[in-house]
Amino acid sequence: CALLDGLFPAEVLGMTWMGIFLFNLATIS
């Protein structure tokens, strides 16, 4: 997301990162 910032809408990157983060939280929980 840091490297792609500016190439994709901030909302798309934000939702993508949040989805990955949520998946990781579920994995360890």
PDB file of all heavy atoms in Angstrom:
ATOM      1  N   CYS A   1       0.826  -1.214   0.000  1.00  0.00           N
ATOM      2  CA  CYS A   1       0.000   0.000   0.000  1.00  0.00           C
ATOM      3  C   CYS A   1       0.857   1.259   0.000  1.00  0.00           C
ATOM      4  O   CYS A   1       0.505   2.257  -0.634  1.00  0.00           O
ATOM      5  CB  CYS A   1      -0.939  -0.004   1.203  1.00  0.00           C
ATOM      6  SG  CYS A   1      -2.283  -1.211   1.101  1.00  0.00           S
ATOM      7  N   ALA A   2       1.982   1.216   0.707  1.00  0.00           N
ATOM      8  CA  ALA A   2       2.882   2.370   0.727  1.00  0.00           C
ATOM      9  C   ALA A   2       3.461   2.625  -0.658  1.00  0.00           C
ATOM     10  O   ALA A   2       3.566   3.777  -1.107  1.00  0.00           O
ATOM     11  CB  ALA A   2       4.003   2.148   1.738  1.00  0.00           C
ATOM     12  N   LEU A   3       3.816   1.556  -1.363  1.00  0.00           N
ATOM     13  CA  LEU A   3       4.398   1.701  -2.698  1.00  0.00           C
ATOM     14  C   LEU A   3       3.351   2.082  -3.739  1.00  0.00           C
ATOM     15  O   LEU A   3       3.672   2.747  -4.735  1.00  0.00           O
ATOM     16  CB  LEU A   3       5.092   0.397  -3.105  1.00  0.00           C
ATOM     17  CG  LEU A   3       6.291  -0.027  -2.246  1.00  0.00           C
ATOM     18  CD1 LEU A   3       6.818  -1.381  -2.687  1.00  0.00           C
ATOM     19  CD2 LEU A   3       7.403   1.027  -2.324  1.00  0.00           C
ATOM     20  N   LEU A   4       2.102   1.655  -3.521  1.00  0.00           N
ATOM     21  CA  LEU A   4       1.034   1.916  -4.488  1.00  0.00           C
ATOM     22  C   LEU A   4       0.248   3.184  -4.183  1.00  0.00           C
ATOM     23  O   LEU A   4      -0.669   3.533  -4.920  1.00  0.00           O
ATOM     24  CB  LEU A   4       0.067   0.722  -4.529  1.00  0.00           C
ATOM     25  CG  LEU A   4       0.656  -0.593  -5.021  1.00  0.00           C
ATOM     26  CD1 LEU A   4      -0.359  -1.713  -4.892  1.00  0.00           C
ATOM     27  CD2 LEU A   4       1.126  -0.458  -6.481  1.00  0.00           C
ATOM     28  N   ASP A   5       0.607   3.855  -3.085  1.00  0.00           N
ATOM     29  CA  ASP A   5      -0.098   5.083  -2.718  1.00  0.00           C
ATOM     30  C   ASP A   5       0.039   6.113  -3.838  1.00  0.00           C
ATOM     31  O   ASP A   5       1.137   6.402  -4.304  1.00  0.00           O
ATOM     32  CB  ASP A   5       0.475   5.652  -1.422  1.00  0.00           C
ATOM     33  CG  ASP A   5      -0.304   6.852  -0.939  1.00  0.00           C
ATOM     34  OD1 ASP A   5      -1.486   6.697  -0.597  1.00  0.00           O
ATOM     35  OD2 ASP A   5       0.274   7.973  -0.928  1.00  0.00           O
ATOM     36  N   GLY A   6      -1.081   6.628  -4.280  1.00  0.00           N
ATOM     37  CA  GLY A   6      -1.090   7.573  -5.396  1.00  0.00           C
ATOM     38  C   GLY A   6      -1.448   6.917  -6.713  1.00  0.00           C
ATOM     39  O   GLY A   6      -1.922   7.605  -7.630  1.00  0.00           O
ATOM     40  N   LEU A   7      -1.209   5.620  -6.838  1.00  0.00           N
ATOM     41  CA  LEU A   7      -1.570   4.899  -8.053  1.00  0.00           C
ATOM     42  C   LEU A   7      -2.993   4.371  -7.998  1.00  0.00           C
ATOM     43  O   LEU A   7      -3.614   4.142  -9.041  1.00  0.00           O
ATOM     44  CB  LEU A   7      -0.599   3.737  -8.290  1.00  0.00           C
ATOM     45  CG  LEU A   7       0.877   4.116  -8.481  1.00  0.00           C
ATOM     46  CD1 LEU A   7       1.731   2.865  -8.647  1.00  0.00           C
ATOM     47  CD2 LEU A   7       1.042   5.038  -9.685  1.00  0.00           C
ATOM     48  N   PHE A   8      -3.485   4.136  -6.782  1.00  0.00           N
ATOM     49  CA  PHE A   8      -4.856   3.677  -6.570  1.00  0.00           C
ATOM     50  C   PHE A   8      -5.548   4.626  -5.598  1.00  0.00           C
ATOM     51  O   PHE A   8      -4.883   5.275  -4.788  1.00  0.00           O
ATOM     52  CB  PHE A   8      -4.871   2.248  -6.004  1.00  0.00           C
ATOM     53  CG  PHE A   8      -4.397   1.195  -6.963  1.00  0.00           C
ATOM     54  CD1 PHE A   8      -3.050   0.851  -7.036  1.00  0.00           C
ATOM     55  CD2 PHE A   8      -5.294   0.557  -7.801  1.00  0.00           C
ATOM     56  CE1 PHE A   8      -2.618  -0.116  -7.919  1.00  0.00           C
ATOM     57  CE2 PHE A   8      -4.873  -0.418  -8.686  1.00  0.00           C
ATOM     58  CZ  PHE A   8      -3.532  -0.750  -8.748  1.00  0.00           C
ATOM     59  N   PRO A   9      -6.867   4.706  -5.664  1.00  0.00           N
ATOM     60  CA  PRO A   9      -7.594   5.571  -4.719  1.00  0.00           C
ATOM     61  C   PRO A   9      -7.286   5.177  -3.275  1.00  0.00           C
ATOM     62  O   PRO A   9      -7.144   3.996  -2.951  1.00  0.00           O
ATOM     63  CB  PRO A   9      -9.068   5.323  -5.063  1.00  0.00           C
ATOM     64  CG  PRO A   9      -9.051   4.848  -6.483  1.00  0.00           C
ATOM     65  CD  PRO A   9      -7.780   4.070  -6.636  1.00  0.00           C
ATOM     66  N   ALA A  10      -7.183   6.181  -2.408  1.00  0.00           N
ATOM     67  CA  ALA A  10      -6.869   5.927  -1.003  1.00  0.00           C
ATOM     68  C   ALA A  10      -7.910   5.037  -0.352  1.00  0.00           C
ATOM     69  O   ALA A  10      -7.587   4.211   0.518  1.00  0.00           O
ATOM     70  CB  ALA A  10      -6.752   7.246  -0.249  1.00  0.00           C
ATOM     71  N   GLU A  11      -9.179   5.178  -0.783  1.00  0.00           N
ATOM     72  CA  GLU A  11     -10.245   4.351  -0.193  1.00  0.00           C
ATOM     73  C   GLU A  11     -10.032   2.873  -0.510  1.00  0.00           C
ATOM     74  O   GLU A  11     -10.272   2.007   0.326  1.00  0.00           O
ATOM     75  CB  GLU A  11     -11.613   4.801  -0.708  1.00  0.00           C
ATOM     76  CG  GLU A  11     -12.018   6.201  -0.281  1.00  0.00           C
ATOM     77  CD  GLU A  11     -11.419   7.276  -1.174  1.00  0.00           C
ATOM     78  OE1 GLU A  11     -10.652   6.911  -2.110  1.00  0.00           O
ATOM     79  OE2 GLU A  11     -11.690   8.471  -0.945  1.00  0.00           O
ATOM     80  N   VAL A  12      -9.610   2.584  -1.742  1.00  0.00           N
ATOM     81  CA  VAL A  12      -9.375   1.191  -2.153  1.00  0.00           C
ATOM     82  C   VAL A  12      -8.227   0.588  -1.348  1.00  0.00           C
ATOM     83  O   VAL A  12      -8.319  -0.535  -0.844  1.00  0.00           O
ATOM     84  CB  VAL A  12      -9.083   1.115  -3.660  1.00  0.00           C
ATOM     85  CG1 VAL A  12      -8.678  -0.304  -4.062  1.00  0.00           C
ATOM     86  CG2 VAL A  12     -10.293   1.569  -4.457  1.00  0.00           C
ATOM     87  N   LEU A  13      -7.129   1.340  -1.229  1.00  0.00           N
ATOM     88  CA  LEU A  13      -5.990   0.843  -0.460  1.00  0.00           C
ATOM     89  C   LEU A  13      -6.364   0.658   1.008  1.00  0.00           C
ATOM     90  O   LEU A  13      -5.966  -0.327   1.645  1.00  0.00           O
ATOM     91  CB  LEU A  13      -4.808   1.814  -0.591  1.00  0.00           C
ATOM     92  CG  LEU A  13      -4.170   1.930  -1.975  1.00  0.00           C
ATOM     93  CD1 LEU A  13      -3.049   2.948  -1.947  1.00  0.00           C
ATOM     94  CD2 LEU A  13      -3.651   0.581  -2.449  1.00  0.00           C
ATOM     95  N   GLY A  14      -7.140   1.603   1.538  1.00  0.00           N
ATOM     96  CA  GLY A  14      -7.545   1.509   2.938  1.00  0.00           C
ATOM     97  C   GLY A  14      -8.403   0.286   3.212  1.00  0.00           C
ATOM     98  O   GLY A  14      -8.178  -0.439   4.190  1.00  0.00           O
ATOM     99  N   MET A  15      -9.399   0.047   2.348  1.00  0.00           N
ATOM    100  CA  MET A  15     -10.258  -1.111   2.528  1.00  0.00           C
ATOM    101  C   MET A  15      -9.486  -2.411   2.357  1.00  0.00           C
ATOM    102  O   MET A  15      -9.706  -3.390   3.072  1.00  0.00           O
ATOM    103  CB  MET A  15     -11.423  -1.059   1.536  1.00  0.00           C
ATOM    104  CG  MET A  15     -12.469   0.004   1.845  1.00  0.00           C
ATOM    105  SD  MET A  15     -13.334  -0.305   3.405  1.00  0.00           S
ATOM    106  CE  MET A  15     -14.248  -1.793   3.006  1.00  0.00           C
ATOM    107  N   THR A  16      -8.545  -2.440   1.409  1.00  0.00           N
ATOM    108  CA  THR A  16      -7.728  -3.635   1.182  1.00  0.00           C
ATOM    109  C   THR A  16      -6.882  -3.956   2.397  1.00  0.00           C
ATOM    110  O   THR A  16      -6.844  -5.104   2.869  1.00  0.00           O
ATOM    111  CB  THR A  16      -6.835  -3.442  -0.048  1.00  0.00           C
ATOM    112  OG1 THR A  16      -7.642  -3.182  -1.204  1.00  0.00           O
ATOM    113  CG2 THR A  16      -5.982  -4.678  -0.296  1.00  0.00           C
ATOM    114  N   TRP A  17      -6.201  -2.927   2.924  1.00  0.00           N
ATOM    115  CA  TRP A  17      -5.344  -3.160   4.090  1.00  0.00           C
ATOM    116  C   TRP A  17      -6.168  -3.577   5.308  1.00  0.00           C
ATOM    117  O   TRP A  17      -5.783  -4.484   6.046  1.00  0.00           O
ATOM    118  CB  TRP A  17      -4.536  -1.901   4.409  1.00  0.00           C
ATOM    119  CG  TRP A  17      -3.532  -2.149   5.511  1.00  0.00           C
ATOM    120  CD1 TRP A  17      -2.277  -2.663   5.377  1.00  0.00           C
ATOM    121  CD2 TRP A  17      -3.742  -1.940   6.916  1.00  0.00           C
ATOM    122  NE1 TRP A  17      -1.678  -2.780   6.600  1.00  0.00           N
ATOM    123  CE2 TRP A  17      -2.556  -2.339   7.571  1.00  0.00           C
ATOM    124  CE3 TRP A  17      -4.801  -1.440   7.664  1.00  0.00           C
ATOM    125  CZ2 TRP A  17      -2.412  -2.256   8.946  1.00  0.00           C
ATOM    126  CZ3 TRP A  17      -4.661  -1.363   9.038  1.00  0.00           C
ATOM    127  CH2 TRP A  17      -3.474  -1.765   9.678  1.00  0.00           C
ATOM    128  N   MET A  18      -7.315  -2.954   5.502  1.00  0.00           N
ATOM    129  CA  MET A  18      -8.162  -3.302   6.635  1.00  0.00           C
ATOM    130  C   MET A  18      -8.670  -4.746   6.518  1.00  0.00           C
ATOM    131  O   MET A  18      -8.784  -5.464   7.510  1.00  0.00           O
ATOM    132  CB  MET A  18      -9.342  -2.341   6.733  1.00  0.00           C
ATOM    133  CG  MET A  18      -8.991  -0.964   7.255  1.00  0.00           C
ATOM    134  SD  MET A  18      -8.333  -0.990   8.938  1.00  0.00           S
ATOM    135  CE  MET A  18      -9.746  -1.641   9.844  1.00  0.00           C
ATOM    136  N   GLY A  19      -8.960  -5.182   5.284  1.00  0.00           N
ATOM    137  CA  GLY A  19      -9.402  -6.559   5.082  1.00  0.00           C
ATOM    138  C   GLY A  19      -8.310  -7.554   5.449  1.00  0.00           C
ATOM    139  O   GLY A  19      -8.575  -8.578   6.101  1.00  0.00           O
ATOM    140  N   ILE A  20      -7.077  -7.258   5.036  1.00  0.00           N
ATOM    141  CA  ILE A  20      -5.950  -8.134   5.375  1.00  0.00           C
ATOM    142  C   ILE A  20      -5.727  -8.155   6.883  1.00  0.00           C
ATOM    143  O   ILE A  20      -5.511  -9.206   7.491  1.00  0.00           O
ATOM    144  CB  ILE A  20      -4.673  -7.662   4.644  1.00  0.00           C
ATOM    145  CG1 ILE A  20      -4.851  -7.786   3.132  1.00  0.00           C
ATOM    146  CG2 ILE A  20      -3.464  -8.467   5.110  1.00  0.00           C
ATOM    147  CD1 ILE A  20      -3.710  -7.192   2.333  1.00  0.00           C
ATOM    148  N   PHE A  21      -5.800  -6.981   7.497  1.00  0.00           N
ATOM    149  CA  PHE A  21      -5.589  -6.876   8.942  1.00  0.00           C
ATOM    150  C   PHE A  21      -6.660  -7.653   9.706  1.00  0.00           C
ATOM    151  O   PHE A  21      -6.361  -8.362  10.677  1.00  0.00           O
ATOM    152  CB  PHE A  21      -5.605  -5.402   9.345  1.00  0.00           C
ATOM    153  CG  PHE A  21      -5.373  -5.162  10.808  1.00  0.00           C
ATOM    154  CD1 PHE A  21      -4.208  -5.591  11.423  1.00  0.00           C
ATOM    155  CD2 PHE A  21      -6.314  -4.482  11.567  1.00  0.00           C
ATOM    156  CE1 PHE A  21      -3.986  -5.369  12.779  1.00  0.00           C
ATOM    157  CE2 PHE A  21      -6.108  -4.254  12.918  1.00  0.00           C
ATOM    158  CZ  PHE A  21      -4.945  -4.696  13.524  1.00  0.00           C
ATOM    159  N   LEU A  22      -7.906  -7.560   9.267  1.00  0.00           N
ATOM    160  CA  LEU A  22      -8.996  -8.291   9.909  1.00  0.00           C
ATOM    161  C   LEU A  22      -8.788  -9.798   9.781  1.00  0.00           C
ATOM    162  O   LEU A  22      -9.012 -10.558  10.735  1.00  0.00           O
ATOM    163  CB  LEU A  22     -10.336  -7.887   9.297  1.00  0.00           C
ATOM    164  CG  LEU A  22     -11.576  -8.613   9.826  1.00  0.00           C
ATOM    165  CD1 LEU A  22     -11.743  -8.352  11.321  1.00  0.00           C
ATOM    166  CD2 LEU A  22     -12.826  -8.159   9.068  1.00  0.00           C
ATOM    167  N   PHE A  23      -8.362 -10.241   8.609  1.00  0.00           N
ATOM    168  CA  PHE A  23      -8.093 -11.666   8.403  1.00  0.00           C
ATOM    169  C   PHE A  23      -6.994 -12.150   9.341  1.00  0.00           C
ATOM    170  O   PHE A  23      -7.096 -13.227   9.943  1.00  0.00           O
ATOM    171  CB  PHE A  23      -7.691 -11.909   6.951  1.00  0.00           C
ATOM    172  CG  PHE A  23      -7.304 -13.332   6.655  1.00  0.00           C
ATOM    173  CD1 PHE A  23      -8.275 -14.309   6.506  1.00  0.00           C
ATOM    174  CD2 PHE A  23      -5.974 -13.689   6.525  1.00  0.00           C
ATOM    175  CE1 PHE A  23      -7.929 -15.626   6.245  1.00  0.00           C
ATOM    176  CE2 PHE A  23      -5.609 -14.997   6.259  1.00  0.00           C
ATOM    177  CZ  PHE A  23      -6.595 -15.969   6.114  1.00  0.00           C
ATOM    178  N   ASN A  24      -5.941 -11.349   9.487  1.00  0.00           N
ATOM    179  CA  ASN A  24      -4.859 -11.720  10.395  1.00  0.00           C
ATOM    180  C   ASN A  24      -5.321 -11.784  11.847  1.00  0.00           C
ATOM    181  O   ASN A  24      -4.932 -12.676  12.599  1.00  0.00           O
ATOM    182  CB  ASN A  24      -3.706 -10.721  10.276  1.00  0.00           C
ATOM    183  CG  ASN A  24      -2.643 -11.155   9.294  1.00  0.00           C
ATOM    184  OD1 ASN A  24      -1.750 -10.380   8.966  1.00  0.00           O
ATOM    185  ND2 ASN A  24      -2.721 -12.374   8.807  1.00  0.00           N
ATOM    186  N   LEU A  25      -6.153 -10.841  12.252  1.00  0.00           N
ATOM    187  CA  LEU A  25      -6.682 -10.862  13.617  1.00  0.00           C
ATOM    188  C   LEU A  25      -7.493 -12.127  13.870  1.00  0.00           C
ATOM    189  O   LEU A  25      -7.378 -12.751  14.931  1.00  0.00           O
ATOM    190  CB  LEU A  25      -7.547  -9.625  13.861  1.00  0.00           C
ATOM    191  CG  LEU A  25      -6.820  -8.293  14.066  1.00  0.00           C
ATOM    192  CD1 LEU A  25      -7.836  -7.175  14.257  1.00  0.00           C
ATOM    193  CD2 LEU A  25      -5.884  -8.360  15.272  1.00  0.00           C
ATOM    194  N   ALA A  26      -8.306 -12.504  12.904  1.00  0.00           N
ATOM    195  CA  ALA A  26      -9.101 -13.731  13.044  1.00  0.00           C
ATOM    196  C   ALA A  26      -8.200 -14.955  13.121  1.00  0.00           C
ATOM    197  O   ALA A  26      -8.478 -15.900  13.869  1.00  0.00           O
ATOM    198  CB  ALA A  26     -10.074 -13.855  11.877  1.00  0.00           C
ATOM    199  N   THR A  27      -7.092 -14.939  12.374  1.00  0.00           N
ATOM    200  CA  THR A  27      -6.176 -16.075  12.352  1.00  0.00           C
ATOM    201  C   THR A  27      -5.575 -16.339  13.722  1.00  0.00           C
ATOM    202  O   THR A  27      -5.470 -17.498  14.156  1.00  0.00           O
ATOM    203  CB  THR A  27      -5.052 -15.829  11.332  1.00  0.00           C
ATOM    204  OG1 THR A  27      -5.624 -15.649  10.036  1.00  0.00           O
ATOM    205  CG2 THR A  27      -4.073 -16.996  11.299  1.00  0.00           C
ATOM    206  N   ILE A  28      -5.162 -15.286  14.422  1.00  0.00           N
ATOM    207  CA  ILE A  28      -4.507 -15.480  15.708  1.00  0.00           C
ATOM    208  C   ILE A  28      -5.496 -15.526  16.869  1.00  0.00           C
ATOM    209  O   ILE A  28      -5.129 -15.886  17.982  1.00  0.00           O
ATOM    210  CB  ILE A  28      -3.453 -14.388  15.974  1.00  0.00           C
ATOM    211  CG1 ILE A  28      -4.126 -13.027  16.186  1.00  0.00           C
ATOM    212  CG2 ILE A  28      -2.426 -14.341  14.860  1.00  0.00           C
ATOM    213  CD1 ILE A  28      -3.174 -11.978  16.709  1.00  0.00           C
ATOM    214  N   SER A  29      -6.741 -15.149  16.631  1.00  0.00           N
ATOM    215  CA  SER A  29      -7.732 -15.110  17.707  1.00  0.00           C
ATOM    216  C   SER A  29      -8.420 -16.451  17.925  1.00  0.00           C
ATOM    217  O   SER A  29      -8.872 -16.751  19.035  1.00  0.00           O
ATOM    218  CB  SER A  29      -8.801 -14.044  17.425  1.00  0.00           C
ATOM    219  OG  SER A  29      -8.223 -12.756  17.355  1.00  0.00           O
TER     220      SER A  29
END
